[in-house]
Amino acid sequence: MKATPAGNSAGVPPAAAGVNPEANEGASRLRGPLWATLVATFFGVGRLRPGPGSWGSAATVILWTVLAYGMTPSLRTPVAIALALLVTLIGIPAATQVARASGVKDPQFVVIDEVAGQLIALIAVPLAWKTFLAGFILFRAFDIVKPPPVRQLEKLPEGTGIVLDDVAAGIYALVVMQLLLHSGLLR
């Protein structure tokens, strides 16, 4: 038997069969392109609740810890910088695509911005649980409070605003972390 355009082999029109092709098409648009959804949600981490941003940051700290322990100390800082730059450059178009598809300016499930900001906060940080915890707390605090100009960056269009405000929060966290480390308050 020949299938109808909706894939219904009974010959019943899609609407009569309870299938709404526009709803399926809309569901696809809500996600955006697969590559963008995977990147923007950091491979689904952004779907975790509560607090998807905190989950994104925590996953980044864990992954960075694993990566950093596997490389020589002289490579850690340049690799952290390169990864933060790469995540930012890929994250902006991914966040743009997903925001457009969802119709929401800054969807909560987009966490690639947290990944970029958290990586920045961990640049040149010694491998120790205290520094990782401090980096996590500092980044999350700056991301939530959004001191100037972080909040203003959030107003930039689409993925640029979604990602760059977290990049700025990561830079604030990096500066405070380095001050704590160089002052001896955090060892």
C-alpha atoms as a PDB file:
ATOM      1  CA  MET A   1       0.000   0.000   0.000  1.00  0.00           C
ATOM      2  CA  LYS A   2       1.289   3.461  -0.912  1.00  0.00           C
ATOM      3  CA  ALA A   3       1.943   5.885   1.948  1.00  0.00           C
ATOM      4  CA  THR A   4       0.426   9.363   1.966  1.00  0.00           C
ATOM      5  CA  PRO A   5       2.718  12.421   2.218  1.00  0.00           C
ATOM      6  CA  ALA A   6       2.314  12.400   5.999  1.00  0.00           C
ATOM      7  CA  GLY A   7       3.519   8.810   6.175  1.00  0.00           C
ATOM      8  CA  ASN A   8       0.007   7.549   6.927  1.00  0.00           C
ATOM      9  CA  SER A   9      -0.591   4.286   5.054  1.00  0.00           C
ATOM     10  CA  ALA A  10      -4.338   4.199   5.793  1.00  0.00           C
ATOM     11  CA  GLY A  11      -5.040   6.936   3.242  1.00  0.00           C
ATOM     12  CA  VAL A  12      -6.545   9.196   5.933  1.00  0.00           C
ATOM     13  CA  PRO A  13      -5.621  12.899   5.651  1.00  0.00           C
ATOM     14  CA  PRO A  14      -3.109  13.932   8.347  1.00  0.00           C
ATOM     15  CA  ALA A  15      -5.529  16.263  10.159  1.00  0.00           C
ATOM     16  CA  ALA A  16      -8.242  13.578  10.275  1.00  0.00           C
ATOM     17  CA  ALA A  17      -5.740  11.061  11.609  1.00  0.00           C
ATOM     18  CA  GLY A  18      -4.921  13.361  14.520  1.00  0.00           C
ATOM     19  CA  VAL A  19      -1.546  14.262  13.027  1.00  0.00           C
ATOM     20  CA  ASN A  20      -0.756  17.936  12.726  1.00  0.00           C
ATOM     21  CA  PRO A  21       2.142  18.323  10.288  1.00  0.00           C
ATOM     22  CA  GLU A  22       2.589  21.961  11.308  1.00  0.00           C
ATOM     23  CA  ALA A  23       3.025  20.889  14.951  1.00  0.00           C
ATOM     24  CA  ASN A  24       5.793  18.475  13.993  1.00  0.00           C
ATOM     25  CA  GLU A  25       7.427  21.136  11.847  1.00  0.00           C
ATOM     26  CA  GLY A  26       7.131  23.618  14.743  1.00  0.00           C
ATOM     27  CA  ALA A  27       8.684  21.143  17.170  1.00  0.00           C
ATOM     28  CA  SER A  28      11.630  20.841  14.821  1.00  0.00           C
ATOM     29  CA  ARG A  29      11.961  24.623  14.641  1.00  0.00           C
ATOM     30  CA  LEU A  30      11.872  24.904  18.439  1.00  0.00           C
ATOM     31  CA  ARG A  31      15.093  22.952  18.593  1.00  0.00           C
ATOM     32  CA  GLY A  32      16.857  24.560  15.670  1.00  0.00           C
ATOM     33  CA  PRO A  33      19.529  22.730  13.701  1.00  0.00           C
ATOM     34  CA  LEU A  34      20.877  19.639  15.483  1.00  0.00           C
ATOM     35  CA  TRP A  35      24.452  20.946  15.615  1.00  0.00           C
ATOM     36  CA  ALA A  36      23.255  24.214  17.162  1.00  0.00           C
ATOM     37  CA  THR A  37      21.061  22.453  19.720  1.00  0.00           C
ATOM     38  CA  LEU A  38      23.867  20.093  20.749  1.00  0.00           C
ATOM     39  CA  VAL A  39      26.334  22.951  21.108  1.00  0.00           C
ATOM     40  CA  ALA A  40      23.944  25.437  22.737  1.00  0.00           C
ATOM     41  CA  THR A  41      22.725  22.921  25.328  1.00  0.00           C
ATOM     42  CA  PHE A  42      26.259  21.560  25.817  1.00  0.00           C
ATOM     43  CA  PHE A  43      25.128  18.129  24.638  1.00  0.00           C
ATOM     44  CA  GLY A  44      21.944  18.219  26.716  1.00  0.00           C
ATOM     45  CA  VAL A  45      23.351  19.552  30.000  1.00  0.00           C
ATOM     46  CA  GLY A  46      21.152  22.627  29.542  1.00  0.00           C
ATOM     47  CA  ARG A  47      18.073  20.430  29.909  1.00  0.00           C
ATOM     48  CA  LEU A  48      18.967  19.542  33.525  1.00  0.00           C
ATOM     49  CA  ARG A  49      16.902  21.154  36.256  1.00  0.00           C
ATOM     50  CA  PRO A  50      16.940  23.118  38.465  1.00  0.00           C
ATOM     51  CA  GLY A  51      19.412  25.794  37.420  1.00  0.00           C
ATOM     52  CA  PRO A  52      20.645  24.741  33.975  1.00  0.00           C
ATOM     53  CA  GLY A  53      23.329  27.465  34.061  1.00  0.00           C
ATOM     54  CA  SER A  54      24.821  26.015  37.224  1.00  0.00           C
ATOM     55  CA  TRP A  55      24.750  22.533  35.676  1.00  0.00           C
ATOM     56  CA  GLY A  56      26.550  23.901  32.614  1.00  0.00           C
ATOM     57  CA  SER A  57      29.198  25.519  34.797  1.00  0.00           C
ATOM     58  CA  ALA A  58      29.622  22.398  36.933  1.00  0.00           C
ATOM     59  CA  ALA A  59      29.998  20.185  33.861  1.00  0.00           C
ATOM     60  CA  THR A  60      32.630  22.585  32.529  1.00  0.00           C
ATOM     61  CA  VAL A  61      34.618  22.494  35.769  1.00  0.00           C
ATOM     62  CA  ILE A  62      34.525  18.682  35.784  1.00  0.00           C
ATOM     63  CA  LEU A  63      35.547  18.382  32.126  1.00  0.00           C
ATOM     64  CA  TRP A  64      38.289  20.972  32.506  1.00  0.00           C
ATOM     65  CA  THR A  65      39.611  19.124  35.568  1.00  0.00           C
ATOM     66  CA  VAL A  66      39.848  15.875  33.607  1.00  0.00           C
ATOM     67  CA  LEU A  67      41.489  17.592  30.620  1.00  0.00           C
ATOM     68  CA  ALA A  68      43.890  19.683  32.704  1.00  0.00           C
ATOM     69  CA  TYR A  69      45.169  16.737  34.738  1.00  0.00           C
ATOM     70  CA  GLY A  70      45.926  14.956  31.473  1.00  0.00           C
ATOM     71  CA  MET A  71      48.266  17.641  30.104  1.00  0.00           C
ATOM     72  CA  THR A  72      51.562  19.182  31.074  1.00  0.00           C
ATOM     73  CA  PRO A  73      51.355  22.304  33.252  1.00  0.00           C
ATOM     74  CA  SER A  74      52.866  24.505  30.522  1.00  0.00           C
ATOM     75  CA  LEU A  75      49.965  23.653  28.189  1.00  0.00           C
ATOM     76  CA  ARG A  76      47.096  24.280  30.615  1.00  0.00           C
ATOM     77  CA  THR A  77      46.822  28.062  30.292  1.00  0.00           C
ATOM     78  CA  PRO A  78      47.131  28.244  26.481  1.00  0.00           C
ATOM     79  CA  VAL A  79      44.678  25.353  26.086  1.00  0.00           C
ATOM     80  CA  ALA A  80      42.165  26.991  28.470  1.00  0.00           C
ATOM     81  CA  ILE A  81      42.416  30.238  26.494  1.00  0.00           C
ATOM     82  CA  ALA A  82      42.057  28.418  23.162  1.00  0.00           C
ATOM     83  CA  LEU A  83      39.062  26.416  24.398  1.00  0.00           C
ATOM     84  CA  ALA A  84      37.349  29.516  25.802  1.00  0.00           C
ATOM     85  CA  LEU A  85      37.866  31.293  22.474  1.00  0.00           C
ATOM     86  CA  LEU A  86      36.662  28.278  20.462  1.00  0.00           C
ATOM     87  CA  VAL A  87      33.567  27.807  22.637  1.00  0.00           C
ATOM     88  CA  THR A  88      32.759  31.511  22.331  1.00  0.00           C
ATOM     89  CA  LEU A  89      33.156  31.536  18.547  1.00  0.00           C
ATOM     90  CA  ILE A  90      31.056  28.392  18.068  1.00  0.00           C
ATOM     91  CA  GLY A  91      28.629  29.281  20.854  1.00  0.00           C
ATOM     92  CA  ILE A  92      27.493  32.605  19.387  1.00  0.00           C
ATOM     93  CA  PRO A  93      26.051  31.174  16.142  1.00  0.00           C
ATOM     94  CA  ALA A  94      24.677  28.119  17.966  1.00  0.00           C
ATOM     95  CA  ALA A  95      22.927  30.276  20.570  1.00  0.00           C
ATOM     96  CA  THR A  96      21.623  32.511  17.784  1.00  0.00           C
ATOM     97  CA  GLN A  97      20.127  29.560  15.894  1.00  0.00           C
ATOM     98  CA  VAL A  98      18.483  28.074  18.992  1.00  0.00           C
ATOM     99  CA  ALA A  99      17.151  31.435  20.227  1.00  0.00           C
ATOM    100  CA  ARG A 100      15.633  32.115  16.808  1.00  0.00           C
ATOM    101  CA  ALA A 101      14.090  28.641  16.659  1.00  0.00           C
ATOM    102  CA  SER A 102      12.617  28.907  20.147  1.00  0.00           C
ATOM    103  CA  GLY A 103      11.406  32.487  19.760  1.00  0.00           C
ATOM    104  CA  VAL A 104      12.954  33.338  23.147  1.00  0.00           C
ATOM    105  CA  LYS A 105      15.670  36.007  23.437  1.00  0.00           C
ATOM    106  CA  ASP A 106      17.794  33.974  25.892  1.00  0.00           C
ATOM    107  CA  PRO A 107      16.447  30.435  26.392  1.00  0.00           C
ATOM    108  CA  GLN A 108      17.329  28.985  29.805  1.00  0.00           C
ATOM    109  CA  PHE A 109      18.439  25.699  28.266  1.00  0.00           C
ATOM    110  CA  VAL A 110      21.204  27.439  26.294  1.00  0.00           C
ATOM    111  CA  VAL A 111      24.279  26.934  28.487  1.00  0.00           C
ATOM    112  CA  ILE A 112      27.169  27.212  26.026  1.00  0.00           C
ATOM    113  CA  ASP A 113      27.571  30.760  27.370  1.00  0.00           C
ATOM    114  CA  GLU A 114      28.206  29.345  30.846  1.00  0.00           C
ATOM    115  CA  VAL A 115      30.769  26.962  29.378  1.00  0.00           C
ATOM    116  CA  ALA A 116      32.667  29.873  27.789  1.00  0.00           C
ATOM    117  CA  GLY A 117      32.512  32.049  30.898  1.00  0.00           C
ATOM    118  CA  GLN A 118      33.460  29.227  33.258  1.00  0.00           C
ATOM    119  CA  LEU A 119      36.461  28.292  31.111  1.00  0.00           C
ATOM    120  CA  ILE A 120      37.637  31.910  31.257  1.00  0.00           C
ATOM    121  CA  ALA A 121      37.285  31.903  35.048  1.00  0.00           C
ATOM    122  CA  LEU A 122      39.583  28.844  35.215  1.00  0.00           C
ATOM    123  CA  ILE A 123      42.426  30.241  33.075  1.00  0.00           C
ATOM    124  CA  ALA A 124      45.784  29.951  34.901  1.00  0.00           C
ATOM    125  CA  VAL A 125      44.167  28.441  37.980  1.00  0.00           C
ATOM    126  CA  PRO A 126      46.137  25.804  39.927  1.00  0.00           C
ATOM    127  CA  LEU A 127      44.645  22.320  39.917  1.00  0.00           C
ATOM    128  CA  ALA A 128      43.095  22.107  43.368  1.00  0.00           C
ATOM    129  CA  TRP A 129      39.563  21.596  44.618  1.00  0.00           C
ATOM    130  CA  LYS A 130      39.634  24.997  46.387  1.00  0.00           C
ATOM    131  CA  THR A 131      40.493  26.905  43.224  1.00  0.00           C
ATOM    132  CA  PHE A 132      37.933  25.008  41.150  1.00  0.00           C
ATOM    133  CA  LEU A 133      35.242  25.659  43.749  1.00  0.00           C
ATOM    134  CA  ALA A 134      36.229  29.331  44.025  1.00  0.00           C
ATOM    135  CA  GLY A 135      36.217  29.676  40.230  1.00  0.00           C
ATOM    136  CA  PHE A 136      32.765  28.093  40.048  1.00  0.00           C
ATOM    137  CA  ILE A 137      31.336  30.318  42.801  1.00  0.00           C
ATOM    138  CA  LEU A 138      32.922  33.508  41.445  1.00  0.00           C
ATOM    139  CA  PHE A 139      31.709  32.892  37.913  1.00  0.00           C
ATOM    140  CA  ARG A 140      28.170  31.983  38.986  1.00  0.00           C
ATOM    141  CA  ALA A 141      28.036  35.071  41.259  1.00  0.00           C
ATOM    142  CA  PHE A 142      29.145  37.450  38.492  1.00  0.00           C
ATOM    143  CA  ASP A 143      26.832  35.727  36.002  1.00  0.00           C
ATOM    144  CA  ILE A 144      23.843  36.134  38.319  1.00  0.00           C
ATOM    145  CA  VAL A 145      24.585  39.652  39.646  1.00  0.00           C
ATOM    146  CA  LYS A 146      25.733  40.978  36.236  1.00  0.00           C
ATOM    147  CA  PRO A 147      27.718  44.056  37.293  1.00  0.00           C
ATOM    148  CA  PRO A 148      28.328  46.700  34.610  1.00  0.00           C
ATOM    149  CA  PRO A 149      29.028  46.184  31.750  1.00  0.00           C
ATOM    150  CA  VAL A 150      27.833  42.559  31.945  1.00  0.00           C
ATOM    151  CA  ARG A 151      24.137  43.491  31.924  1.00  0.00           C
ATOM    152  CA  GLN A 152      24.662  45.890  29.014  1.00  0.00           C
ATOM    153  CA  LEU A 153      26.344  43.146  26.955  1.00  0.00           C
ATOM    154  CA  GLU A 154      23.288  40.967  27.535  1.00  0.00           C
ATOM    155  CA  LYS A 155      21.321  43.485  25.438  1.00  0.00           C
ATOM    156  CA  LEU A 156      23.389  42.804  22.306  1.00  0.00           C
ATOM    157  CA  PRO A 157      21.447  40.947  19.604  1.00  0.00           C
ATOM    158  CA  GLU A 158      20.849  37.201  19.616  1.00  0.00           C
ATOM    159  CA  GLY A 159      23.731  34.837  20.375  1.00  0.00           C
ATOM    160  CA  THR A 160      26.182  37.703  20.741  1.00  0.00           C
ATOM    161  CA  GLY A 161      24.322  39.013  23.797  1.00  0.00           C
ATOM    162  CA  ILE A 162      23.638  35.523  25.138  1.00  0.00           C
ATOM    163  CA  VAL A 163      27.319  34.566  25.094  1.00  0.00           C
ATOM    164  CA  LEU A 164      29.232  37.806  25.622  1.00  0.00           C
ATOM    165  CA  ASP A 165      27.592  38.701  28.940  1.00  0.00           C
ATOM    166  CA  ASP A 166      28.873  35.394  30.328  1.00  0.00           C
ATOM    167  CA  VAL A 167      32.291  35.990  28.774  1.00  0.00           C
ATOM    168  CA  ALA A 168      32.387  39.297  30.698  1.00  0.00           C
ATOM    169  CA  ALA A 169      31.256  37.546  33.897  1.00  0.00           C
ATOM    170  CA  GLY A 170      34.051  35.026  33.324  1.00  0.00           C
ATOM    171  CA  ILE A 171      36.582  37.851  32.944  1.00  0.00           C
ATOM    172  CA  TYR A 172      35.421  39.386  36.242  1.00  0.00           C
ATOM    173  CA  ALA A 173      35.758  35.977  37.923  1.00  0.00           C
ATOM    174  CA  LEU A 174      39.217  35.510  36.371  1.00  0.00           C
ATOM    175  CA  VAL A 175      40.422  38.883  37.664  1.00  0.00           C
ATOM    176  CA  VAL A 176      39.128  38.253  41.196  1.00  0.00           C
ATOM    177  CA  MET A 177      40.524  34.695  41.163  1.00  0.00           C
ATOM    178  CA  GLN A 178      43.977  35.937  40.130  1.00  0.00           C
ATOM    179  CA  LEU A 179      43.863  38.634  42.829  1.00  0.00           C
ATOM    180  CA  LEU A 180      42.987  35.988  45.423  1.00  0.00           C
ATOM    181  CA  LEU A 181      45.758  33.706  44.196  1.00  0.00           C
ATOM    182  CA  HIS A 182      48.449  36.429  44.016  1.00  0.00           C
ATOM    183  CA  SER A 183      47.497  37.883  47.393  1.00  0.00           C
ATOM    184  CA  GLY A 184      47.857  34.472  49.012  1.00  0.00           C
ATOM    185  CA  LEU A 185      44.234  34.381  50.188  1.00  0.00           C
ATOM    186  CA  LEU A 186      43.578  31.317  48.062  1.00  0.00           C
ATOM    187  CA  ARG A 187      46.174  28.558  47.763  1.00  0.00           C
END
